[in-house]
Amino acid sequence: MSAGKILNIPNILTIARIVLIPVFLLIAYWPPAVGAGDSEKQIVFRHALLTSLFILAALTDWFDGYLARVLNQTSAFGRFLDPVADKLMVVAALILLVQWKPSIMMAFAAIVIISREITVSALREWMAELGARTNVAVSTVGKYKTAFQMIAISVFLLNWQPLDFIAYLLLYTAVILTLWSMVIYLRAAWPFLKQP
């Protein structure tokens, strides 16, 4: 495939989403001693900037798929990289939140979400080898899961304590949808999994 076909607008947006991850982490951890000497305004600005970057990444996730269809610029490279970029940004944000809010509630949610992504990715790869990749295509529940996940993480990144209850409610709705969507994928793959 030529570089021109790889570097179309949807794929550039997907690559930009991956490039945003180190920028996101640099803002979160710069200066190294976060909070030391920071004024309240600096802290508020930092969290507003982190939230904005995460929302921007989430929006590019929607736009790259939309533009790929509208501009007829779908590609194998884009189909591979798009879900990878989504997962990398979410995992980076969840790890950051577990450090910021080291509680069993946050750790459990992060472990469930990350474990599901690993499981479903492995399942899709295996099903693709069998030529049955469409059996585990993205479901409606999976799309709702992603929406709740992105909104919950965005609210947590604001780091405004009055919103914590809402953020946890959104996050655990995402956890329930995460488990539900994984069951849907496993049920779809079960006829293949139980073969000798």
N, C-alpha and C. Protein backbone atom coordinates (compact mmCIF):
# COMPACT_ATOMS: atom_id res chain seq x y z
N MET A 1 0.85 -1.20 0.00
CA MET A 1 0.00 0.00 0.00
C MET A 1 0.88 1.24 0.00
N SER A 2 0.54 2.21 -0.82
CA SER A 2 1.35 3.42 -0.93
C SER A 2 1.16 4.31 0.29
N ALA A 3 2.17 5.18 0.51
CA ALA A 3 2.09 6.10 1.65
C ALA A 3 0.89 7.03 1.52
N GLY A 4 0.53 7.38 0.26
CA GLY A 4 -0.62 8.25 0.04
C GLY A 4 -1.91 7.65 0.56
N LYS A 5 -2.07 6.33 0.37
CA LYS A 5 -3.29 5.66 0.83
C LYS A 5 -3.29 5.52 2.35
N ILE A 6 -2.11 5.31 2.93
CA ILE A 6 -2.02 5.19 4.39
C ILE A 6 -2.27 6.55 5.03
N LEU A 7 -1.67 7.61 4.48
CA LEU A 7 -1.79 8.93 5.09
C LEU A 7 -2.98 9.71 4.54
N ASN A 8 -4.16 9.11 4.67
CA ASN A 8 -5.38 9.85 4.34
C ASN A 8 -5.88 10.55 5.61
N ILE A 9 -6.92 11.37 5.48
CA ILE A 9 -7.39 12.17 6.62
C ILE A 9 -7.82 11.31 7.81
N PRO A 10 -8.63 10.25 7.62
CA PRO A 10 -9.01 9.44 8.78
C PRO A 10 -7.81 8.82 9.51
N ASN A 11 -6.83 8.33 8.75
CA ASN A 11 -5.66 7.70 9.38
C ASN A 11 -4.78 8.72 10.09
N ILE A 12 -4.71 9.93 9.53
CA ILE A 12 -3.95 11.00 10.20
C ILE A 12 -4.59 11.33 11.55
N LEU A 13 -5.93 11.35 11.60
CA LEU A 13 -6.64 11.59 12.86
C LEU A 13 -6.35 10.47 13.87
N THR A 14 -6.32 9.24 13.37
CA THR A 14 -6.04 8.09 14.25
C THR A 14 -4.62 8.18 14.81
N ILE A 15 -3.66 8.49 13.93
CA ILE A 15 -2.26 8.64 14.36
C ILE A 15 -2.14 9.79 15.36
N ALA A 16 -2.85 10.89 15.10
CA ALA A 16 -2.83 12.05 16.02
C ALA A 16 -3.32 11.64 17.40
N ARG A 17 -4.30 10.73 17.45
CA ARG A 17 -4.83 10.26 18.74
C ARG A 17 -3.74 9.53 19.53
N ILE A 18 -2.92 8.77 18.84
CA ILE A 18 -1.82 8.06 19.51
C ILE A 18 -0.75 9.05 19.96
N VAL A 19 -0.45 10.04 19.12
CA VAL A 19 0.55 11.07 19.45
C VAL A 19 0.11 11.88 20.67
N LEU A 20 -1.21 12.03 20.86
CA LEU A 20 -1.73 12.78 22.01
C LEU A 20 -1.42 12.09 23.35
N ILE A 21 -1.19 10.78 23.33
CA ILE A 21 -0.99 10.04 24.59
C ILE A 21 0.24 10.54 25.36
N PRO A 22 1.46 10.62 24.74
CA PRO A 22 2.59 11.16 25.51
C PRO A 22 2.39 12.61 25.92
N VAL A 23 1.70 13.41 25.09
CA VAL A 23 1.40 14.80 25.44
C VAL A 23 0.51 14.83 26.68
N PHE A 24 -0.51 13.98 26.68
CA PHE A 24 -1.44 13.83 27.81
C PHE A 24 -0.68 13.49 29.09
N LEU A 25 0.24 12.54 29.01
CA LEU A 25 1.00 12.11 30.19
C LEU A 25 1.99 13.17 30.65
N LEU A 26 2.62 13.89 29.71
CA LEU A 26 3.55 14.97 30.07
C LEU A 26 2.82 16.06 30.85
N ILE A 27 1.62 16.41 30.40
CA ILE A 27 0.83 17.43 31.11
C ILE A 27 0.44 16.93 32.49
N ALA A 28 0.07 15.65 32.58
CA ALA A 28 -0.36 15.08 33.87
C ALA A 28 0.77 15.05 34.89
N TYR A 29 2.01 14.84 34.42
CA TYR A 29 3.13 14.64 35.35
C TYR A 29 4.17 15.75 35.33
N TRP A 30 3.88 16.86 34.66
CA TRP A 30 4.85 17.95 34.64
C TRP A 30 4.34 19.12 35.46
N PRO A 31 5.14 19.67 36.42
CA PRO A 31 6.46 19.21 36.83
C PRO A 31 6.39 17.85 37.51
N PRO A 32 7.55 17.15 37.64
CA PRO A 32 7.54 15.80 38.22
C PRO A 32 6.78 15.70 39.54
N ALA A 33 6.95 16.69 40.41
CA ALA A 33 6.23 16.68 41.69
C ALA A 33 4.92 17.43 41.50
N VAL A 34 3.93 16.75 40.94
CA VAL A 34 2.64 17.38 40.66
C VAL A 34 2.01 17.87 41.96
N GLY A 35 1.60 19.11 41.96
CA GLY A 35 0.96 19.67 43.14
C GLY A 35 1.92 20.46 44.01
N ALA A 36 3.20 20.15 43.93
CA ALA A 36 4.18 20.87 44.75
C ALA A 36 4.38 22.27 44.18
N GLY A 37 3.93 23.24 44.88
CA GLY A 37 4.09 24.62 44.44
C GLY A 37 3.06 25.07 43.42
N ASP A 38 2.18 24.18 43.01
CA ASP A 38 1.13 24.55 42.05
C ASP A 38 0.08 25.40 42.76
N SER A 39 -0.32 26.47 42.11
CA SER A 39 -1.43 27.26 42.66
C SER A 39 -2.73 26.55 42.30
N GLU A 40 -3.80 26.95 42.94
CA GLU A 40 -5.11 26.33 42.66
C GLU A 40 -5.50 26.53 41.20
N LYS A 41 -5.18 27.72 40.66
CA LYS A 41 -5.50 28.01 39.26
C LYS A 41 -4.72 27.09 38.32
N GLN A 42 -3.44 26.84 38.65
CA GLN A 42 -2.62 25.95 37.82
C GLN A 42 -3.19 24.53 37.81
N ILE A 43 -3.62 24.08 38.98
CA ILE A 43 -4.18 22.73 39.09
C ILE A 43 -5.48 22.62 38.29
N VAL A 44 -6.35 23.64 38.42
CA VAL A 44 -7.61 23.65 37.67
C VAL A 44 -7.32 23.66 36.17
N PHE A 45 -6.36 24.48 35.76
CA PHE A 45 -6.01 24.58 34.34
C PHE A 45 -5.46 23.25 33.82
N ARG A 46 -4.60 22.62 34.63
CA ARG A 46 -4.02 21.33 34.23
C ARG A 46 -5.13 20.30 33.98
N HIS A 47 -6.08 20.22 34.91
CA HIS A 47 -7.15 19.23 34.78
C HIS A 47 -8.10 19.57 33.62
N ALA A 48 -8.34 20.84 33.42
CA ALA A 48 -9.19 21.26 32.29
C ALA A 48 -8.50 20.90 30.97
N LEU A 49 -7.18 21.08 30.92
CA LEU A 49 -6.42 20.76 29.71
C LEU A 49 -6.40 19.26 29.46
N LEU A 50 -6.19 18.47 30.51
CA LEU A 50 -6.20 17.01 30.37
C LEU A 50 -7.57 16.52 29.90
N THR A 51 -8.63 17.07 30.48
CA THR A 51 -9.99 16.69 30.08
C THR A 51 -10.24 17.05 28.62
N SER A 52 -9.80 18.25 28.22
CA SER A 52 -9.98 18.69 26.83
C SER A 52 -9.24 17.78 25.86
N LEU A 53 -8.02 17.39 26.21
CA LEU A 53 -7.24 16.49 25.34
C LEU A 53 -7.92 15.14 25.20
N PHE A 54 -8.44 14.63 26.31
CA PHE A 54 -9.10 13.33 26.28
C PHE A 54 -10.38 13.40 25.44
N ILE A 55 -11.15 14.46 25.61
CA ILE A 55 -12.38 14.64 24.81
C ILE A 55 -12.03 14.79 23.34
N LEU A 56 -10.95 15.53 23.04
CA LEU A 56 -10.50 15.68 21.66
C LEU A 56 -10.16 14.33 21.06
N ALA A 57 -9.47 13.49 21.83
CA ALA A 57 -9.12 12.15 21.36
C ALA A 57 -10.38 11.33 21.11
N ALA A 58 -11.36 11.44 22.02
CA ALA A 58 -12.61 10.69 21.86
C ALA A 58 -13.37 11.16 20.61
N LEU A 59 -13.35 12.47 20.34
CA LEU A 59 -14.03 13.00 19.16
C LEU A 59 -13.35 12.55 17.87
N THR A 60 -12.01 12.52 17.88
CA THR A 60 -11.31 12.06 16.67
C THR A 60 -11.63 10.59 16.40
N ASP A 61 -11.94 9.84 17.46
CA ASP A 61 -12.33 8.43 17.29
C ASP A 61 -13.61 8.35 16.46
N TRP A 62 -14.56 9.23 16.75
CA TRP A 62 -15.80 9.24 15.99
C TRP A 62 -15.58 9.78 14.58
N PHE A 63 -14.81 10.89 14.48
CA PHE A 63 -14.63 11.55 13.20
C PHE A 63 -13.83 10.71 12.20
N ASP A 64 -12.82 9.97 12.68
CA ASP A 64 -12.00 9.23 11.70
C ASP A 64 -12.83 8.14 11.02
N GLY A 65 -13.70 7.46 11.80
CA GLY A 65 -14.55 6.44 11.21
C GLY A 65 -15.58 7.05 10.27
N TYR A 66 -16.16 8.18 10.70
CA TYR A 66 -17.16 8.87 9.87
C TYR A 66 -16.55 9.35 8.56
N LEU A 67 -15.38 9.99 8.65
CA LEU A 67 -14.73 10.50 7.44
C LEU A 67 -14.27 9.39 6.52
N ALA A 68 -13.82 8.28 7.11
CA ALA A 68 -13.39 7.14 6.28
C ALA A 68 -14.55 6.65 5.41
N ARG A 69 -15.75 6.63 5.99
CA ARG A 69 -16.92 6.18 5.22
C ARG A 69 -17.37 7.23 4.21
N VAL A 70 -17.46 8.50 4.65
CA VAL A 70 -17.95 9.57 3.79
C VAL A 70 -16.99 9.84 2.62
N LEU A 71 -15.69 9.84 2.91
CA LEU A 71 -14.69 10.13 1.87
C LEU A 71 -14.24 8.87 1.12
N ASN A 72 -14.84 7.74 1.51
CA ASN A 72 -14.47 6.46 0.90
C ASN A 72 -12.96 6.22 1.02
N GLN A 73 -12.45 6.44 2.24
CA GLN A 73 -11.02 6.29 2.49
C GLN A 73 -10.76 5.21 3.54
N THR A 74 -11.56 4.17 3.53
CA THR A 74 -11.32 3.05 4.44
C THR A 74 -10.07 2.31 3.96
N SER A 75 -9.33 1.75 4.91
CA SER A 75 -8.11 1.02 4.55
C SER A 75 -7.84 -0.04 5.61
N ALA A 76 -7.04 -1.04 5.21
CA ALA A 76 -6.66 -2.09 6.15
C ALA A 76 -5.87 -1.48 7.30
N PHE A 77 -5.01 -0.52 6.99
CA PHE A 77 -4.20 0.15 8.02
C PHE A 77 -5.11 0.85 9.04
N GLY A 78 -6.14 1.55 8.54
CA GLY A 78 -7.08 2.25 9.43
C GLY A 78 -7.88 1.29 10.27
N ARG A 79 -8.35 0.17 9.67
CA ARG A 79 -9.12 -0.82 10.42
C ARG A 79 -8.29 -1.47 11.51
N PHE A 80 -6.98 -1.59 11.28
CA PHE A 80 -6.09 -2.13 12.31
C PHE A 80 -5.81 -1.10 13.40
N LEU A 81 -5.45 0.12 12.98
CA LEU A 81 -4.94 1.11 13.93
C LEU A 81 -6.02 1.78 14.77
N ASP A 82 -7.21 1.97 14.21
CA ASP A 82 -8.27 2.70 14.92
C ASP A 82 -8.62 2.08 16.28
N PRO A 83 -8.93 0.77 16.35
CA PRO A 83 -9.23 0.20 17.68
C PRO A 83 -8.03 0.19 18.61
N VAL A 84 -6.82 0.09 18.05
CA VAL A 84 -5.60 0.12 18.88
C VAL A 84 -5.47 1.49 19.53
N ALA A 85 -5.66 2.55 18.74
CA ALA A 85 -5.54 3.92 19.26
C ALA A 85 -6.55 4.18 20.37
N ASP A 86 -7.79 3.70 20.19
CA ASP A 86 -8.82 3.86 21.21
C ASP A 86 -8.39 3.23 22.53
N LYS A 87 -7.93 2.00 22.44
CA LYS A 87 -7.57 1.24 23.64
C LYS A 87 -6.36 1.86 24.34
N LEU A 88 -5.37 2.33 23.57
CA LEU A 88 -4.17 2.92 24.18
C LEU A 88 -4.52 4.16 25.00
N MET A 89 -5.39 5.01 24.45
CA MET A 89 -5.75 6.25 25.16
C MET A 89 -6.54 5.94 26.42
N VAL A 90 -7.48 5.01 26.34
CA VAL A 90 -8.29 4.64 27.50
C VAL A 90 -7.43 4.00 28.58
N VAL A 91 -6.53 3.10 28.19
CA VAL A 91 -5.65 2.43 29.17
C VAL A 91 -4.74 3.45 29.85
N ALA A 92 -4.17 4.37 29.07
CA ALA A 92 -3.30 5.41 29.65
C ALA A 92 -4.07 6.24 30.68
N ALA A 93 -5.29 6.63 30.34
CA ALA A 93 -6.11 7.44 31.26
C ALA A 93 -6.49 6.65 32.50
N LEU A 94 -6.85 5.38 32.34
CA LEU A 94 -7.23 4.55 33.50
C LEU A 94 -6.07 4.35 34.46
N ILE A 95 -4.88 4.10 33.91
CA ILE A 95 -3.70 3.92 34.78
C ILE A 95 -3.43 5.20 35.55
N LEU A 96 -3.57 6.34 34.88
CA LEU A 96 -3.39 7.64 35.54
C LEU A 96 -4.41 7.81 36.66
N LEU A 97 -5.67 7.45 36.41
CA LEU A 97 -6.72 7.61 37.41
C LEU A 97 -6.53 6.67 38.60
N VAL A 98 -6.01 5.47 38.35
CA VAL A 98 -5.74 4.54 39.47
C VAL A 98 -4.67 5.13 40.38
N GLN A 99 -3.69 5.82 39.80
CA GLN A 99 -2.67 6.46 40.64
C GLN A 99 -3.25 7.64 41.40
N TRP A 100 -4.09 8.42 40.73
CA TRP A 100 -4.68 9.59 41.38
C TRP A 100 -5.68 9.21 42.46
N LYS A 101 -6.44 8.14 42.20
CA LYS A 101 -7.48 7.71 43.14
C LYS A 101 -7.25 6.24 43.48
N PRO A 102 -6.23 5.97 44.31
CA PRO A 102 -5.87 4.57 44.60
C PRO A 102 -6.87 3.89 45.55
N SER A 103 -7.98 3.46 44.97
CA SER A 103 -9.01 2.78 45.75
C SER A 103 -9.39 1.50 45.04
N ILE A 104 -10.01 0.58 45.78
CA ILE A 104 -10.42 -0.69 45.17
C ILE A 104 -11.47 -0.45 44.08
N MET A 105 -12.31 0.58 44.23
CA MET A 105 -13.34 0.85 43.22
C MET A 105 -12.72 1.24 41.89
N MET A 106 -11.71 2.10 41.95
CA MET A 106 -11.05 2.54 40.71
C MET A 106 -10.22 1.41 40.11
N ALA A 107 -9.47 0.71 40.98
CA ALA A 107 -8.61 -0.38 40.50
C ALA A 107 -9.44 -1.50 39.87
N PHE A 108 -10.56 -1.86 40.51
CA PHE A 108 -11.42 -2.93 39.99
C PHE A 108 -11.98 -2.55 38.62
N ALA A 109 -12.47 -1.31 38.50
CA ALA A 109 -13.03 -0.85 37.23
C ALA A 109 -11.97 -0.88 36.13
N ALA A 110 -10.77 -0.40 36.46
CA ALA A 110 -9.68 -0.38 35.47
C ALA A 110 -9.30 -1.79 35.04
N ILE A 111 -9.20 -2.70 36.01
CA ILE A 111 -8.84 -4.10 35.69
C ILE A 111 -9.89 -4.76 34.81
N VAL A 112 -11.16 -4.54 35.12
CA VAL A 112 -12.25 -5.14 34.32
C VAL A 112 -12.20 -4.61 32.89
N ILE A 113 -12.09 -3.29 32.75
CA ILE A 113 -12.09 -2.68 31.41
C ILE A 113 -10.88 -3.12 30.59
N ILE A 114 -9.69 -3.08 31.20
CA ILE A 114 -8.48 -3.46 30.47
C ILE A 114 -8.49 -4.96 30.14
N SER A 115 -8.94 -5.78 31.09
CA SER A 115 -9.00 -7.23 30.86
C SER A 115 -9.96 -7.58 29.74
N ARG A 116 -11.09 -6.88 29.70
CA ARG A 116 -12.07 -7.11 28.63
C ARG A 116 -11.46 -6.78 27.27
N GLU A 117 -10.73 -5.66 27.19
CA GLU A 117 -10.14 -5.25 25.92
C GLU A 117 -9.14 -6.30 25.43
N ILE A 118 -8.33 -6.83 26.35
CA ILE A 118 -7.35 -7.86 25.99
C ILE A 118 -8.07 -9.12 25.52
N THR A 119 -9.10 -9.53 26.27
CA THR A 119 -9.85 -10.76 25.95
C THR A 119 -10.53 -10.66 24.59
N VAL A 120 -11.25 -9.55 24.36
CA VAL A 120 -11.99 -9.39 23.11
C VAL A 120 -11.03 -9.24 21.93
N SER A 121 -9.92 -8.54 22.12
CA SER A 121 -8.93 -8.40 21.04
C SER A 121 -8.36 -9.77 20.66
N ALA A 122 -8.03 -10.58 21.66
CA ALA A 122 -7.51 -11.93 21.40
C ALA A 122 -8.57 -12.78 20.71
N LEU A 123 -9.83 -12.65 21.16
CA LEU A 123 -10.93 -13.41 20.57
C LEU A 123 -11.12 -13.05 19.10
N ARG A 124 -11.08 -11.74 18.81
CA ARG A 124 -11.25 -11.29 17.42
C ARG A 124 -10.12 -11.79 16.53
N GLU A 125 -8.89 -11.75 17.06
CA GLU A 125 -7.74 -12.23 16.28
C GLU A 125 -7.89 -13.71 15.97
N TRP A 126 -8.31 -14.47 16.97
CA TRP A 126 -8.48 -15.92 16.79
C TRP A 126 -9.61 -16.21 15.81
N MET A 127 -10.74 -15.46 15.94
CA MET A 127 -11.87 -15.65 15.04
C MET A 127 -11.50 -15.26 13.60
N ALA A 128 -10.65 -14.26 13.45
CA ALA A 128 -10.19 -13.86 12.12
C ALA A 128 -9.40 -14.99 11.46
N GLU A 129 -8.60 -15.70 12.26
CA GLU A 129 -7.85 -16.84 11.73
C GLU A 129 -8.78 -17.93 11.21
N LEU A 130 -9.96 -18.03 11.82
CA LEU A 130 -10.95 -19.03 11.40
C LEU A 130 -11.83 -18.52 10.27
N GLY A 131 -11.64 -17.25 9.89
CA GLY A 131 -12.47 -16.66 8.86
C GLY A 131 -13.85 -16.27 9.34
N ALA A 132 -13.99 -16.10 10.65
CA ALA A 132 -15.30 -15.78 11.24
C ALA A 132 -15.26 -14.47 12.02
N ARG A 133 -14.45 -13.54 11.55
CA ARG A 133 -14.26 -12.26 12.25
C ARG A 133 -15.57 -11.49 12.42
N THR A 134 -16.47 -11.59 11.43
CA THR A 134 -17.73 -10.83 11.49
C THR A 134 -18.65 -11.31 12.62
N ASN A 135 -18.41 -12.53 13.12
CA ASN A 135 -19.23 -13.05 14.24
C ASN A 135 -19.00 -12.25 15.52
N VAL A 136 -17.85 -11.60 15.61
CA VAL A 136 -17.53 -10.80 16.81
C VAL A 136 -17.29 -9.33 16.42
N ALA A 137 -18.09 -8.85 15.48
CA ALA A 137 -18.02 -7.43 15.10
C ALA A 137 -18.54 -6.58 16.26
N VAL A 138 -18.21 -5.29 16.23
CA VAL A 138 -18.61 -4.37 17.31
C VAL A 138 -20.13 -4.37 17.46
N SER A 139 -20.59 -4.55 18.71
CA SER A 139 -22.03 -4.60 18.99
C SER A 139 -22.51 -3.23 19.47
N THR A 140 -23.84 -3.08 19.51
CA THR A 140 -24.44 -1.84 20.02
C THR A 140 -24.08 -1.64 21.48
N VAL A 141 -24.08 -2.72 22.25
CA VAL A 141 -23.72 -2.65 23.68
C VAL A 141 -22.28 -2.15 23.80
N GLY A 142 -21.41 -2.63 22.92
CA GLY A 142 -20.01 -2.19 22.92
C GLY A 142 -19.88 -0.70 22.67
N LYS A 143 -20.74 -0.17 21.80
CA LYS A 143 -20.70 1.27 21.51
C LYS A 143 -21.17 2.08 22.71
N TYR A 144 -22.22 1.60 23.40
CA TYR A 144 -22.68 2.27 24.62
C TYR A 144 -21.61 2.21 25.70
N LYS A 145 -20.96 1.07 25.79
CA LYS A 145 -19.87 0.90 26.77
C LYS A 145 -18.79 1.95 26.54
N THR A 146 -18.40 2.12 25.29
CA THR A 146 -17.37 3.09 24.96
C THR A 146 -17.81 4.51 25.32
N ALA A 147 -19.06 4.85 25.03
CA ALA A 147 -19.58 6.19 25.33
C ALA A 147 -19.54 6.47 26.84
N PHE A 148 -20.06 5.53 27.65
CA PHE A 148 -20.06 5.71 29.11
C PHE A 148 -18.63 5.79 29.66
N GLN A 149 -17.76 4.96 29.10
CA GLN A 149 -16.36 4.92 29.52
C GLN A 149 -15.69 6.28 29.28
N MET A 150 -15.87 6.81 28.08
CA MET A 150 -15.24 8.09 27.71
C MET A 150 -15.78 9.24 28.56
N ILE A 151 -17.10 9.25 28.78
CA ILE A 151 -17.69 10.33 29.59
C ILE A 151 -17.21 10.22 31.04
N ALA A 152 -17.18 9.00 31.59
CA ALA A 152 -16.74 8.80 32.99
C ALA A 152 -15.30 9.27 33.17
N ILE A 153 -14.43 8.85 32.27
CA ILE A 153 -13.01 9.24 32.38
C ILE A 153 -12.87 10.75 32.27
N SER A 154 -13.62 11.36 31.36
CA SER A 154 -13.56 12.83 31.20
C SER A 154 -13.97 13.54 32.49
N VAL A 155 -15.03 13.05 33.14
CA VAL A 155 -15.50 13.66 34.39
C VAL A 155 -14.44 13.49 35.49
N PHE A 156 -13.84 12.30 35.57
CA PHE A 156 -12.78 12.08 36.57
C PHE A 156 -11.59 12.99 36.33
N LEU A 157 -11.23 13.21 35.07
CA LEU A 157 -10.06 14.03 34.76
C LEU A 157 -10.24 15.49 35.18
N LEU A 158 -11.50 15.94 35.26
CA LEU A 158 -11.76 17.30 35.75
C LEU A 158 -11.30 17.45 37.20
N ASN A 159 -11.31 16.31 37.94
CA ASN A 159 -10.84 16.27 39.33
C ASN A 159 -11.60 17.25 40.22
N TRP A 160 -12.92 17.30 40.03
CA TRP A 160 -13.77 18.16 40.85
C TRP A 160 -14.59 17.26 41.75
N GLN A 161 -14.28 17.29 43.04
CA GLN A 161 -14.85 16.33 43.99
C GLN A 161 -16.38 16.22 43.98
N PRO A 162 -17.12 17.32 43.85
CA PRO A 162 -18.59 17.18 43.82
C PRO A 162 -19.10 16.27 42.69
N LEU A 163 -18.27 16.07 41.64
CA LEU A 163 -18.70 15.24 40.52
C LEU A 163 -18.26 13.77 40.66
N ASP A 164 -17.54 13.45 41.74
CA ASP A 164 -17.01 12.10 41.90
C ASP A 164 -18.11 11.03 41.89
N PHE A 165 -19.21 11.30 42.59
CA PHE A 165 -20.29 10.31 42.64
C PHE A 165 -20.83 10.02 41.24
N ILE A 166 -21.05 11.08 40.46
CA ILE A 166 -21.55 10.92 39.08
C ILE A 166 -20.52 10.17 38.24
N ALA A 167 -19.25 10.52 38.43
CA ALA A 167 -18.18 9.87 37.66
C ALA A 167 -18.13 8.37 37.95
N TYR A 168 -18.23 7.99 39.24
CA TYR A 168 -18.23 6.56 39.60
C TYR A 168 -19.48 5.86 39.06
N LEU A 169 -20.61 6.55 39.09
CA LEU A 169 -21.85 5.98 38.56
C LEU A 169 -21.70 5.69 37.06
N LEU A 170 -21.14 6.65 36.34
CA LEU A 170 -20.89 6.47 34.90
C LEU A 170 -19.87 5.36 34.65
N LEU A 171 -18.81 5.34 35.48
CA LEU A 171 -17.76 4.34 35.30
C LEU A 171 -18.29 2.93 35.54
N TYR A 172 -19.10 2.76 36.58
CA TYR A 172 -19.61 1.42 36.87
C TYR A 172 -20.74 1.00 35.92
N THR A 173 -21.41 1.98 35.31
CA THR A 173 -22.32 1.65 34.22
C THR A 173 -21.49 1.10 33.06
N ALA A 174 -20.34 1.75 32.80
CA ALA A 174 -19.42 1.28 31.75
C ALA A 174 -18.90 -0.12 32.08
N VAL A 175 -18.60 -0.39 33.35
CA VAL A 175 -18.11 -1.71 33.77
C VAL A 175 -19.16 -2.78 33.49
N ILE A 176 -20.43 -2.48 33.85
CA ILE A 176 -21.53 -3.44 33.60
C ILE A 176 -21.67 -3.70 32.09
N LEU A 177 -21.63 -2.62 31.30
CA LEU A 177 -21.73 -2.76 29.85
C LEU A 177 -20.51 -3.47 29.27
N THR A 178 -19.36 -3.27 29.90
CA THR A 178 -18.12 -3.94 29.50
C THR A 178 -18.26 -5.45 29.64
N LEU A 179 -18.75 -5.88 30.80
CA LEU A 179 -18.94 -7.32 31.05
C LEU A 179 -20.04 -7.88 30.16
N TRP A 180 -21.12 -7.12 29.98
CA TRP A 180 -22.23 -7.56 29.13
C TRP A 180 -21.76 -7.75 27.69
N SER A 181 -21.01 -6.76 27.17
CA SER A 181 -20.54 -6.87 25.79
C SER A 181 -19.58 -8.03 25.62
N MET A 182 -18.76 -8.30 26.65
CA MET A 182 -17.82 -9.43 26.56
C MET A 182 -18.59 -10.75 26.51
N VAL A 183 -19.66 -10.85 27.30
CA VAL A 183 -20.49 -12.06 27.27
C VAL A 183 -21.11 -12.24 25.88
N ILE A 184 -21.56 -11.14 25.26
CA ILE A 184 -22.14 -11.21 23.92
C ILE A 184 -21.11 -11.77 22.93
N TYR A 185 -19.88 -11.26 23.00
CA TYR A 185 -18.83 -11.71 22.08
C TYR A 185 -18.47 -13.18 22.33
N LEU A 186 -18.38 -13.56 23.61
CA LEU A 186 -18.04 -14.95 23.94
C LEU A 186 -19.15 -15.91 23.51
N ARG A 187 -20.40 -15.49 23.67
CA ARG A 187 -21.52 -16.33 23.22
C ARG A 187 -21.49 -16.51 21.70
N ALA A 188 -21.16 -15.43 20.98
CA ALA A 188 -21.08 -15.50 19.52
C ALA A 188 -19.95 -16.44 19.09
N ALA A 189 -18.88 -16.45 19.87
CA ALA A 189 -17.72 -17.29 19.52
C ALA A 189 -17.81 -18.69 20.09
N TRP A 190 -18.77 -18.95 21.00
CA TRP A 190 -18.84 -20.23 21.71
C TRP A 190 -18.90 -21.45 20.78
N PRO A 191 -19.70 -21.42 19.71
CA PRO A 191 -19.72 -22.59 18.82
C PRO A 191 -18.34 -22.95 18.28
N PHE A 192 -17.48 -21.93 18.09
CA PHE A 192 -16.12 -22.17 17.61
C PHE A 192 -15.20 -22.60 18.76
N LEU A 193 -15.45 -22.02 19.94
CA LEU A 193 -14.60 -22.33 21.11
C LEU A 193 -14.78 -23.76 21.60
N LYS A 194 -15.97 -24.31 21.46
CA LYS A 194 -16.22 -25.64 22.00
C LYS A 194 -15.84 -26.75 21.02
N GLN A 195 -15.36 -26.36 19.85
CA GLN A 195 -14.91 -27.37 18.89
C GLN A 195 -13.64 -28.04 19.40
N PRO A 196 -13.44 -29.34 19.11
CA PRO A 196 -12.23 -30.02 19.58
C PRO A 196 -10.98 -29.49 18.89
